[in-house]
């Protein structure tokens, strides 16, 4: 391993160590650091062309004890769902509107908001928004439902 003197060198070293690993693979939990390689966003369904998403960790959303992390984007589109876990969105780019329980917030880059567990959240981007989402624990594997996608 090289002498690491900056955060950029750490990132570079991790990328070099994992460049031959399968895309999206993660190191064993026995390792000191788990690493997830960058992946492109994909449409959940072909007809939902203005919403891209990727799950970062865990490897599936069957059930999880800690948190789940994803990246997603909306382009002149809206998304609505019910989830049994909390969902916190951090806006990386653009403008995201969130409505839940009659309350609406508008987020810009650097802003974050959480829809608490057991509620329906409605998310929309009049033009474009890219977010990092953190889902709260879901140890029983309860499924999100009531999915609704709309183009604006």
N, C-alpha and C. Protein backbone atom coordinates (compact mmCIF):
# COMPACT_ATOMS: atom_id res chain seq x y z
N UNK A 1 0.85 -1.18 0.00
CA UNK A 1 0.00 0.00 0.00
C UNK A 1 0.89 1.24 0.00
N UNK A 2 0.47 2.27 -0.71
CA UNK A 2 1.25 3.49 -0.79
C UNK A 2 1.10 4.31 0.48
N UNK A 3 2.01 5.25 0.67
CA UNK A 3 1.92 6.18 1.78
C UNK A 3 0.77 7.15 1.50
N UNK A 4 -0.25 7.13 2.33
CA UNK A 4 -1.44 7.94 2.09
C UNK A 4 -1.34 9.21 2.93
N UNK A 5 -1.34 10.37 2.25
CA UNK A 5 -1.17 11.62 2.96
C UNK A 5 -2.35 12.56 2.83
N UNK A 6 -3.34 12.23 2.00
CA UNK A 6 -4.49 13.11 1.83
C UNK A 6 -5.74 12.28 1.59
N UNK A 7 -6.92 12.87 1.80
CA UNK A 7 -8.16 12.15 1.51
C UNK A 7 -8.25 11.73 0.04
N UNK A 8 -7.69 12.53 -0.86
CA UNK A 8 -7.73 12.19 -2.28
C UNK A 8 -6.87 10.96 -2.56
N UNK A 9 -5.76 10.85 -1.85
CA UNK A 9 -4.91 9.68 -2.02
C UNK A 9 -5.61 8.43 -1.48
N UNK A 10 -6.36 8.57 -0.38
CA UNK A 10 -7.12 7.44 0.17
C UNK A 10 -8.12 6.95 -0.87
N UNK A 11 -8.89 7.88 -1.45
CA UNK A 11 -9.88 7.50 -2.45
C UNK A 11 -9.21 6.84 -3.64
N UNK A 12 -8.10 7.39 -4.10
CA UNK A 12 -7.39 6.83 -5.24
C UNK A 12 -6.90 5.42 -4.92
N UNK A 13 -6.35 5.22 -3.74
CA UNK A 13 -5.85 3.91 -3.34
C UNK A 13 -6.99 2.89 -3.28
N UNK A 14 -8.13 3.28 -2.70
CA UNK A 14 -9.27 2.36 -2.65
C UNK A 14 -9.74 1.98 -4.04
N UNK A 15 -9.81 2.94 -4.93
CA UNK A 15 -10.24 2.66 -6.31
C UNK A 15 -9.26 1.72 -6.99
N UNK A 16 -7.96 1.92 -6.78
CA UNK A 16 -6.96 1.04 -7.39
C UNK A 16 -7.10 -0.38 -6.85
N UNK A 17 -7.35 -0.52 -5.56
CA UNK A 17 -7.47 -1.84 -4.96
C UNK A 17 -8.70 -2.58 -5.43
N UNK A 18 -9.74 -1.86 -5.83
CA UNK A 18 -11.01 -2.50 -6.18
C UNK A 18 -11.31 -2.46 -7.67
N UNK A 19 -10.39 -1.93 -8.49
CA UNK A 19 -10.71 -1.79 -9.91
C UNK A 19 -10.93 -3.12 -10.60
N UNK A 20 -10.36 -4.20 -10.10
CA UNK A 20 -10.55 -5.51 -10.71
C UNK A 20 -11.70 -6.28 -10.08
N UNK A 21 -12.32 -5.70 -9.05
CA UNK A 21 -13.45 -6.36 -8.40
C UNK A 21 -14.69 -6.24 -9.27
N UNK A 22 -15.64 -7.09 -9.06
CA UNK A 22 -16.90 -7.02 -9.81
C UNK A 22 -17.59 -5.70 -9.51
N UNK A 23 -18.27 -5.14 -10.49
CA UNK A 23 -18.96 -3.86 -10.32
C UNK A 23 -19.96 -3.96 -9.18
N UNK A 24 -19.92 -3.00 -8.28
CA UNK A 24 -20.87 -2.95 -7.17
C UNK A 24 -20.54 -3.89 -6.04
N UNK A 25 -19.43 -4.63 -6.13
CA UNK A 25 -19.13 -5.58 -5.06
C UNK A 25 -18.67 -4.84 -3.82
N UNK A 26 -18.77 -5.52 -2.72
CA UNK A 26 -18.39 -4.92 -1.44
C UNK A 26 -17.39 -5.84 -0.75
N UNK A 27 -16.48 -5.25 -0.02
CA UNK A 27 -15.50 -6.02 0.71
C UNK A 27 -16.19 -6.79 1.84
N UNK A 28 -15.53 -7.82 2.32
CA UNK A 28 -16.04 -8.59 3.44
C UNK A 28 -16.16 -7.70 4.66
N UNK A 29 -17.14 -7.97 5.51
CA UNK A 29 -17.30 -7.19 6.74
C UNK A 29 -16.13 -7.42 7.69
N UNK A 30 -15.28 -8.40 7.42
CA UNK A 30 -14.09 -8.61 8.23
C UNK A 30 -13.03 -7.57 7.89
N UNK A 31 -13.15 -6.94 6.72
CA UNK A 31 -12.21 -5.90 6.32
C UNK A 31 -12.48 -4.63 7.12
N UNK A 32 -11.50 -3.75 7.17
CA UNK A 32 -11.64 -2.50 7.90
C UNK A 32 -12.56 -1.52 7.19
N UNK A 33 -12.62 -1.59 5.86
CA UNK A 33 -13.43 -0.65 5.08
C UNK A 33 -14.27 -1.43 4.07
N UNK A 34 -15.56 -1.12 4.04
CA UNK A 34 -16.44 -1.63 2.98
C UNK A 34 -16.44 -0.58 1.88
N UNK A 35 -16.40 -1.01 0.63
CA UNK A 35 -16.32 -0.08 -0.50
C UNK A 35 -17.32 -0.49 -1.56
N UNK A 36 -18.05 0.48 -2.08
CA UNK A 36 -19.00 0.25 -3.16
C UNK A 36 -18.58 1.09 -4.34
N UNK A 37 -18.30 0.47 -5.46
CA UNK A 37 -17.86 1.19 -6.66
C UNK A 37 -19.01 2.00 -7.23
N UNK A 38 -18.68 3.11 -7.89
CA UNK A 38 -19.68 3.94 -8.54
C UNK A 38 -20.43 3.13 -9.59
N UNK A 39 -21.72 3.38 -9.71
CA UNK A 39 -22.57 2.68 -10.67
C UNK A 39 -23.48 3.70 -11.34
N UNK A 40 -23.90 3.45 -12.56
CA UNK A 40 -24.86 4.36 -13.20
C UNK A 40 -26.25 4.21 -12.60
N UNK A 41 -27.03 5.27 -12.66
CA UNK A 41 -28.42 5.20 -12.22
C UNK A 41 -29.22 4.48 -13.30
N UNK A 42 -30.22 3.72 -12.87
CA UNK A 42 -31.07 2.97 -13.80
C UNK A 42 -32.53 3.26 -13.50
N UNK A 43 -33.38 3.09 -14.52
CA UNK A 43 -34.81 3.25 -14.33
C UNK A 43 -35.36 2.01 -13.64
N UNK A 44 -36.25 2.22 -12.64
CA UNK A 44 -36.88 1.08 -11.96
C UNK A 44 -37.75 0.30 -12.93
N UNK A 45 -38.40 1.02 -13.83
CA UNK A 45 -39.20 0.42 -14.90
C UNK A 45 -38.91 1.22 -16.17
N UNK A 46 -38.93 0.57 -17.34
CA UNK A 46 -38.63 1.30 -18.58
C UNK A 46 -39.54 2.52 -18.79
N UNK A 47 -40.79 2.41 -18.40
CA UNK A 47 -41.73 3.52 -18.62
C UNK A 47 -41.53 4.67 -17.62
N UNK A 48 -40.71 4.46 -16.60
CA UNK A 48 -40.39 5.52 -15.64
C UNK A 48 -39.06 6.16 -16.05
N UNK A 49 -39.04 6.74 -17.23
CA UNK A 49 -37.80 7.17 -17.85
C UNK A 49 -37.17 8.42 -17.23
N UNK A 50 -37.92 9.16 -16.44
CA UNK A 50 -37.39 10.39 -15.85
C UNK A 50 -37.00 10.24 -14.39
N UNK A 51 -36.86 8.98 -13.95
CA UNK A 51 -36.41 8.70 -12.59
C UNK A 51 -35.34 7.63 -12.64
N UNK A 52 -34.14 7.98 -12.20
CA UNK A 52 -33.06 7.01 -12.14
C UNK A 52 -32.71 6.75 -10.70
N UNK A 53 -32.25 5.52 -10.41
CA UNK A 53 -31.93 5.17 -9.03
C UNK A 53 -30.87 4.08 -8.99
N UNK A 54 -30.16 4.01 -7.88
CA UNK A 54 -29.25 2.89 -7.62
C UNK A 54 -29.15 2.69 -6.12
N UNK A 55 -29.16 1.45 -5.73
CA UNK A 55 -28.97 1.09 -4.33
C UNK A 55 -27.47 1.00 -4.08
N UNK A 56 -26.99 1.68 -3.08
CA UNK A 56 -25.56 1.64 -2.75
C UNK A 56 -25.31 0.53 -1.73
N UNK A 57 -26.00 0.57 -0.61
CA UNK A 57 -25.89 -0.50 0.38
C UNK A 57 -27.16 -0.51 1.22
N UNK A 58 -27.59 -1.64 1.71
CA UNK A 58 -27.04 -2.98 1.55
C UNK A 58 -27.24 -3.49 0.12
N UNK A 59 -26.88 -4.75 -0.11
CA UNK A 59 -26.97 -5.31 -1.46
C UNK A 59 -28.41 -5.53 -1.93
N UNK A 60 -29.35 -5.62 -1.01
CA UNK A 60 -30.77 -5.76 -1.37
C UNK A 60 -31.61 -5.08 -0.29
N UNK A 61 -32.86 -4.82 -0.62
CA UNK A 61 -33.76 -4.18 0.35
C UNK A 61 -34.75 -5.18 0.95
N UNK A 62 -34.33 -6.43 1.09
CA UNK A 62 -35.20 -7.43 1.72
C UNK A 62 -35.43 -7.09 3.19
N UNK A 63 -34.37 -6.75 3.89
CA UNK A 63 -34.41 -6.33 5.29
C UNK A 63 -33.03 -5.81 5.65
N UNK A 64 -32.99 -4.87 6.59
CA UNK A 64 -31.71 -4.34 7.04
C UNK A 64 -31.86 -3.79 8.44
N UNK A 65 -30.79 -3.90 9.22
CA UNK A 65 -30.81 -3.47 10.61
C UNK A 65 -30.29 -2.04 10.79
N UNK A 66 -29.31 -1.64 10.04
CA UNK A 66 -28.73 -0.31 10.20
C UNK A 66 -29.46 0.70 9.34
N UNK A 67 -28.87 1.05 8.22
CA UNK A 67 -29.49 1.99 7.30
C UNK A 67 -29.26 1.48 5.89
N UNK A 68 -30.04 1.99 4.96
CA UNK A 68 -29.83 1.71 3.55
C UNK A 68 -29.52 3.04 2.87
N UNK A 69 -28.66 3.00 1.88
CA UNK A 69 -28.21 4.20 1.20
C UNK A 69 -28.45 4.05 -0.29
N UNK A 70 -29.04 5.08 -0.90
CA UNK A 70 -29.26 5.04 -2.35
C UNK A 70 -29.02 6.42 -2.94
N UNK A 71 -28.91 6.44 -4.24
CA UNK A 71 -28.79 7.68 -5.00
C UNK A 71 -29.90 7.66 -6.03
N UNK A 72 -30.54 8.80 -6.24
CA UNK A 72 -31.62 8.83 -7.23
C UNK A 72 -31.78 10.24 -7.79
N UNK A 73 -32.51 10.30 -8.91
CA UNK A 73 -32.75 11.59 -9.55
C UNK A 73 -34.13 11.61 -10.20
N UNK A 74 -34.67 12.80 -10.29
CA UNK A 74 -35.93 13.05 -10.98
C UNK A 74 -35.70 14.16 -11.99
N UNK A 75 -36.24 14.01 -13.19
CA UNK A 75 -36.17 15.04 -14.23
C UNK A 75 -37.58 15.36 -14.67
N UNK A 76 -38.11 16.49 -14.21
CA UNK A 76 -39.49 16.89 -14.50
C UNK A 76 -40.44 15.72 -14.25
N UNK A 77 -40.33 15.17 -13.04
CA UNK A 77 -41.12 14.00 -12.67
C UNK A 77 -41.44 14.03 -11.18
N UNK A 78 -42.42 13.20 -10.79
CA UNK A 78 -42.81 13.08 -9.40
C UNK A 78 -42.85 11.60 -9.01
N UNK A 79 -42.61 11.33 -7.75
CA UNK A 79 -42.61 9.97 -7.20
C UNK A 79 -43.33 10.00 -5.87
N UNK A 80 -44.18 9.01 -5.65
CA UNK A 80 -44.91 8.89 -4.39
C UNK A 80 -44.84 7.45 -3.94
N UNK A 81 -44.64 7.26 -2.63
CA UNK A 81 -44.67 5.90 -2.08
C UNK A 81 -44.91 5.95 -0.58
N UNK A 82 -45.37 4.80 -0.08
CA UNK A 82 -45.52 4.58 1.36
C UNK A 82 -44.34 3.71 1.77
N UNK A 83 -43.68 4.08 2.85
CA UNK A 83 -42.60 3.23 3.33
C UNK A 83 -42.69 3.06 4.84
N UNK A 84 -42.40 1.84 5.31
CA UNK A 84 -42.48 1.55 6.74
C UNK A 84 -41.27 2.06 7.52
N UNK A 85 -40.28 2.58 6.83
CA UNK A 85 -39.05 3.09 7.43
C UNK A 85 -38.95 4.59 7.15
N UNK A 86 -38.14 5.30 7.89
CA UNK A 86 -37.92 6.71 7.59
C UNK A 86 -37.10 6.83 6.30
N UNK A 87 -37.22 7.97 5.63
CA UNK A 87 -36.43 8.24 4.43
C UNK A 87 -35.94 9.68 4.49
N UNK A 88 -34.62 9.84 4.55
CA UNK A 88 -34.00 11.16 4.57
C UNK A 88 -33.34 11.39 3.22
N UNK A 89 -33.65 12.53 2.60
CA UNK A 89 -33.06 12.87 1.31
C UNK A 89 -32.17 14.10 1.45
N UNK A 90 -30.96 13.99 0.92
CA UNK A 90 -30.00 15.07 0.86
C UNK A 90 -29.87 15.46 -0.61
N UNK A 91 -30.17 16.71 -0.94
CA UNK A 91 -30.14 17.15 -2.33
C UNK A 91 -28.71 17.52 -2.72
N UNK A 92 -28.23 16.87 -3.77
CA UNK A 92 -26.90 17.11 -4.30
C UNK A 92 -26.95 18.20 -5.38
N UNK A 93 -28.00 18.17 -6.20
CA UNK A 93 -28.15 19.13 -7.29
C UNK A 93 -29.63 19.36 -7.57
N UNK A 94 -29.96 20.55 -8.04
CA UNK A 94 -31.32 20.86 -8.45
C UNK A 94 -32.22 21.27 -7.31
N UNK A 95 -33.53 21.06 -7.53
CA UNK A 95 -34.55 21.46 -6.56
C UNK A 95 -35.55 20.33 -6.39
N UNK A 96 -35.73 19.90 -5.15
CA UNK A 96 -36.65 18.82 -4.81
C UNK A 96 -37.75 19.35 -3.91
N UNK A 97 -38.99 19.02 -4.24
CA UNK A 97 -40.14 19.34 -3.41
C UNK A 97 -40.58 18.04 -2.74
N UNK A 98 -40.89 18.13 -1.45
CA UNK A 98 -41.39 16.96 -0.71
C UNK A 98 -42.65 17.38 0.02
N UNK A 99 -43.70 16.52 -0.10
CA UNK A 99 -44.96 16.74 0.61
C UNK A 99 -45.28 15.49 1.40
N UNK A 100 -45.68 15.70 2.66
CA UNK A 100 -46.10 14.59 3.52
C UNK A 100 -47.03 15.15 4.58
N UNK A 101 -48.19 14.54 4.73
CA UNK A 101 -49.11 14.93 5.78
C UNK A 101 -49.54 16.38 5.72
N UNK A 102 -49.66 16.94 4.52
CA UNK A 102 -50.10 18.32 4.37
C UNK A 102 -49.00 19.35 4.50
N UNK A 103 -47.78 18.92 4.77
CA UNK A 103 -46.64 19.83 4.89
C UNK A 103 -45.75 19.68 3.66
N UNK A 104 -45.31 20.81 3.08
CA UNK A 104 -44.44 20.79 1.91
C UNK A 104 -43.17 21.57 2.21
N UNK A 105 -42.04 21.02 1.78
CA UNK A 105 -40.75 21.72 1.86
C UNK A 105 -40.11 21.72 0.48
N UNK A 106 -39.32 22.73 0.22
CA UNK A 106 -38.58 22.83 -1.04
C UNK A 106 -37.10 22.83 -0.68
N UNK A 107 -36.35 21.89 -1.27
CA UNK A 107 -34.94 21.71 -0.94
C UNK A 107 -34.06 22.07 -2.13
N UNK A 108 -32.93 22.67 -1.84
CA UNK A 108 -31.91 22.95 -2.84
C UNK A 108 -30.63 22.22 -2.46
N UNK A 109 -29.58 22.37 -3.24
CA UNK A 109 -28.31 21.70 -2.95
C UNK A 109 -27.84 21.96 -1.52
N UNK A 110 -27.52 20.87 -0.83
CA UNK A 110 -27.06 20.96 0.56
C UNK A 110 -28.16 20.83 1.58
N UNK A 111 -29.43 20.93 1.16
CA UNK A 111 -30.56 20.78 2.09
C UNK A 111 -30.93 19.31 2.23
N UNK A 112 -31.53 18.97 3.37
CA UNK A 112 -32.00 17.61 3.63
C UNK A 112 -33.32 17.66 4.37
N UNK A 113 -34.15 16.64 4.17
CA UNK A 113 -35.42 16.51 4.89
C UNK A 113 -35.74 15.03 5.05
N UNK A 114 -36.47 14.70 6.11
CA UNK A 114 -36.85 13.31 6.37
C UNK A 114 -38.36 13.17 6.38
N UNK A 115 -38.86 12.13 5.70
CA UNK A 115 -40.25 11.68 5.82
C UNK A 115 -40.19 10.54 6.83
N UNK A 116 -40.93 10.68 7.90
CA UNK A 116 -40.87 9.68 8.98
C UNK A 116 -41.60 8.40 8.60
N UNK A 117 -41.27 7.34 9.29
CA UNK A 117 -41.80 6.00 9.01
C UNK A 117 -43.33 5.98 9.10
N UNK A 118 -43.92 5.12 8.28
CA UNK A 118 -45.37 4.91 8.31
C UNK A 118 -46.17 5.97 7.59
N UNK A 119 -45.54 6.72 6.70
CA UNK A 119 -46.22 7.80 6.00
C UNK A 119 -46.02 7.69 4.50
N UNK A 120 -46.89 8.37 3.76
CA UNK A 120 -46.73 8.48 2.32
C UNK A 120 -45.94 9.76 2.04
N UNK A 121 -44.88 9.63 1.27
CA UNK A 121 -44.09 10.78 0.86
C UNK A 121 -44.27 11.02 -0.62
N UNK A 122 -44.42 12.29 -1.00
CA UNK A 122 -44.50 12.66 -2.41
C UNK A 122 -43.31 13.56 -2.70
N UNK A 123 -42.55 13.20 -3.73
CA UNK A 123 -41.33 13.90 -4.10
C UNK A 123 -41.46 14.35 -5.55
N UNK A 124 -41.10 15.60 -5.86
CA UNK A 124 -41.12 16.01 -7.25
C UNK A 124 -40.06 17.05 -7.54
N UNK A 125 -39.60 17.02 -8.79
CA UNK A 125 -38.61 17.98 -9.28
C UNK A 125 -39.20 18.63 -10.52
N UNK A 126 -39.58 19.92 -10.43
CA UNK A 126 -40.15 20.59 -11.60
C UNK A 126 -39.21 20.56 -12.80
N UNK A 127 -37.89 20.64 -12.53
CA UNK A 127 -36.91 20.58 -13.62
C UNK A 127 -35.99 19.38 -13.42
N UNK A 128 -35.21 19.37 -12.35
CA UNK A 128 -34.25 18.30 -12.10
C UNK A 128 -33.84 18.32 -10.63
N UNK A 129 -33.61 17.14 -10.07
CA UNK A 129 -33.03 17.01 -8.73
C UNK A 129 -32.30 15.68 -8.63
N UNK A 130 -31.14 15.72 -7.96
CA UNK A 130 -30.36 14.50 -7.71
C UNK A 130 -30.15 14.43 -6.20
N UNK A 131 -30.43 13.27 -5.63
CA UNK A 131 -30.42 13.11 -4.18
C UNK A 131 -29.64 11.87 -3.73
N UNK A 132 -29.19 11.94 -2.49
CA UNK A 132 -28.71 10.78 -1.74
C UNK A 132 -29.80 10.52 -0.70
N UNK A 133 -30.29 9.29 -0.65
CA UNK A 133 -31.35 8.94 0.31
C UNK A 133 -30.80 7.94 1.33
N UNK A 134 -31.18 8.16 2.58
CA UNK A 134 -30.83 7.26 3.67
C UNK A 134 -32.14 6.74 4.24
N UNK A 135 -32.31 5.42 4.20
CA UNK A 135 -33.51 4.79 4.75
C UNK A 135 -33.20 4.28 6.15
N UNK A 136 -34.13 4.50 7.08
CA UNK A 136 -33.95 4.01 8.44
C UNK A 136 -34.05 2.49 8.51
N UNK A 137 -33.80 1.91 9.66
CA UNK A 137 -33.81 0.45 9.81
C UNK A 137 -35.14 -0.17 9.38
N UNK A 138 -35.05 -1.38 8.83
CA UNK A 138 -36.22 -2.16 8.42
C UNK A 138 -35.91 -3.63 8.68
N UNK A 139 -35.70 -4.01 9.96
CA UNK A 139 -35.27 -5.38 10.28
C UNK A 139 -36.30 -6.45 9.96
N UNK A 140 -37.59 -6.07 9.86
CA UNK A 140 -38.62 -7.06 9.56
C UNK A 140 -38.84 -7.21 8.06
N UNK A 141 -38.19 -6.40 7.25
CA UNK A 141 -38.31 -6.51 5.81
C UNK A 141 -39.66 -6.08 5.27
N UNK A 142 -40.33 -5.15 5.97
CA UNK A 142 -41.62 -4.66 5.49
C UNK A 142 -41.42 -3.90 4.19
N UNK A 143 -42.30 -4.11 3.22
CA UNK A 143 -42.13 -3.52 1.90
C UNK A 143 -42.75 -2.14 1.78
N UNK A 144 -42.08 -1.31 1.00
CA UNK A 144 -42.68 -0.05 0.57
C UNK A 144 -43.75 -0.39 -0.45
N UNK A 145 -44.77 0.46 -0.55
CA UNK A 145 -45.80 0.19 -1.55
C UNK A 145 -46.47 1.48 -1.97
N UNK A 146 -47.55 1.36 -2.70
CA UNK A 146 -48.33 2.49 -3.22
C UNK A 146 -47.47 3.38 -4.11
N UNK A 147 -46.66 2.74 -4.97
CA UNK A 147 -45.78 3.49 -5.86
C UNK A 147 -46.60 4.25 -6.90
N UNK A 148 -46.22 5.50 -7.11
CA UNK A 148 -46.88 6.31 -8.14
C UNK A 148 -45.84 7.21 -8.80
N UNK A 149 -45.66 7.05 -10.09
CA UNK A 149 -44.73 7.84 -10.88
C UNK A 149 -45.53 8.72 -11.84
N UNK A 150 -45.15 9.98 -11.95
CA UNK A 150 -45.84 10.91 -12.84
C UNK A 150 -44.81 11.81 -13.51
N UNK A 151 -45.00 12.07 -14.79
CA UNK A 151 -44.16 13.05 -15.48
C UNK A 151 -44.83 14.40 -15.41
N UNK A 152 -44.05 15.43 -15.16
CA UNK A 152 -44.57 16.78 -15.00
C UNK A 152 -44.49 17.52 -16.32
